[in-house]
Amino acid sequence: MSTTRTIALIGVPSSAGAHWPGQEKAPQYLRRAGLVERLEASGAPVVDHGDLPVVRFWPDRAHPKQQNLAQVVNIATLLADQVEAALQRQETPLVIGGDCTIALGVIAGFLRHRVDLGLMYFDGHIDLNTPATSITGILDSMGIAHMIGEVGVMEALSHIGPRFPLLSEDKIVAFGYNPAEMNEVEHEVLARHPMLTYPLARVQGRAREAATEALMQLEGRVERFMVHFDVDVIDFVDFPIADVPQINAGLTFQDAMACLEVFVSSPKFAGLTIAEINPDHADEEGTLAMTFVDNLVNVFTAK
């Protein structure tokens, strides 16, 4: 990514769509590790737009099949406003969450700005559940389903942008997901919505090569694309920072960051969302946070 682009840093301290509390602490966790200072020291222009209101997960007994929907929609709408404003200022959004539902707000902000948008969904899960098929009702397992307007999704969330569906499946790449984490319903939904897929086995051992292949395919379909990076794509044993761990599965931390570097280096790259960091799962000394920040800065400044 060219360092002439100005990064718009937006924090989303919300675990409203998550399985439990913790992710609401992530933006401050990365700030304390020196994210802003390290970006500035690297020469990357950055404007820190601060954080949205803190929203902490709490079981929604009144709506067990769509947990905390109102809070998720509110946060996504506020985030769409922030992203749209950043794009109007010709800034590149770097959104630090927060659970995976924030990607819907980012997409809505881009679409308001009339961007022909694609999505690199870099995630250990494919998130094709709906309230109709999910046992838990946890919305961060339903992201892509709401983007593509799958039957059974919640209208309040799937219609937050200027069009429905938000994205067509041919403009989405599901990259790094673990098929072993998918349930039967998700396999059926994927068969009906054939998007570009790079499952875990297709990436392991050839991460940079697979990322380059996926990128070339997405670049050929869209004018711009955003990256949604869920850290649960990383093997929790190698780098224990994710909210929902993959134990002895997933990519190594270094392979994940290598893929991210490939995506961000594209001239069509338009923004990055980082989701599912749970500081309660990381080391108390903050070493993991500093390592993550150092590598993230390298991703944004790599030539």
Foldseek 3Di string as FASTA:
>chain_A
DDLVAEEEEEEELECQLPPFWFFSCWVVLLVVLPLVVLLVVLSRHYDYPYYDDHYTYDADPVCQLAGNVVVLLVSLLVLLVVLLVCVVVRHFYEYETDAQSNVLSNLQNVVVVVFQEAEEEADQAPLCDASVRDPRNRRSSNRVVLLQVPPRHDCSRCVSHPDPNSDAQQRYEHALYAVVPDDPVSVVVCVVRPHHYHYNVNCPPPLLVVLLVVLVSNVVPGQAYEYEHEPLLAACVQQPFFQDHDHPDHHHPVSSLSSLLSQLPDPRYRYYYYHGGGCVRHDPVSPSSNVVSVSVSCSNSPD
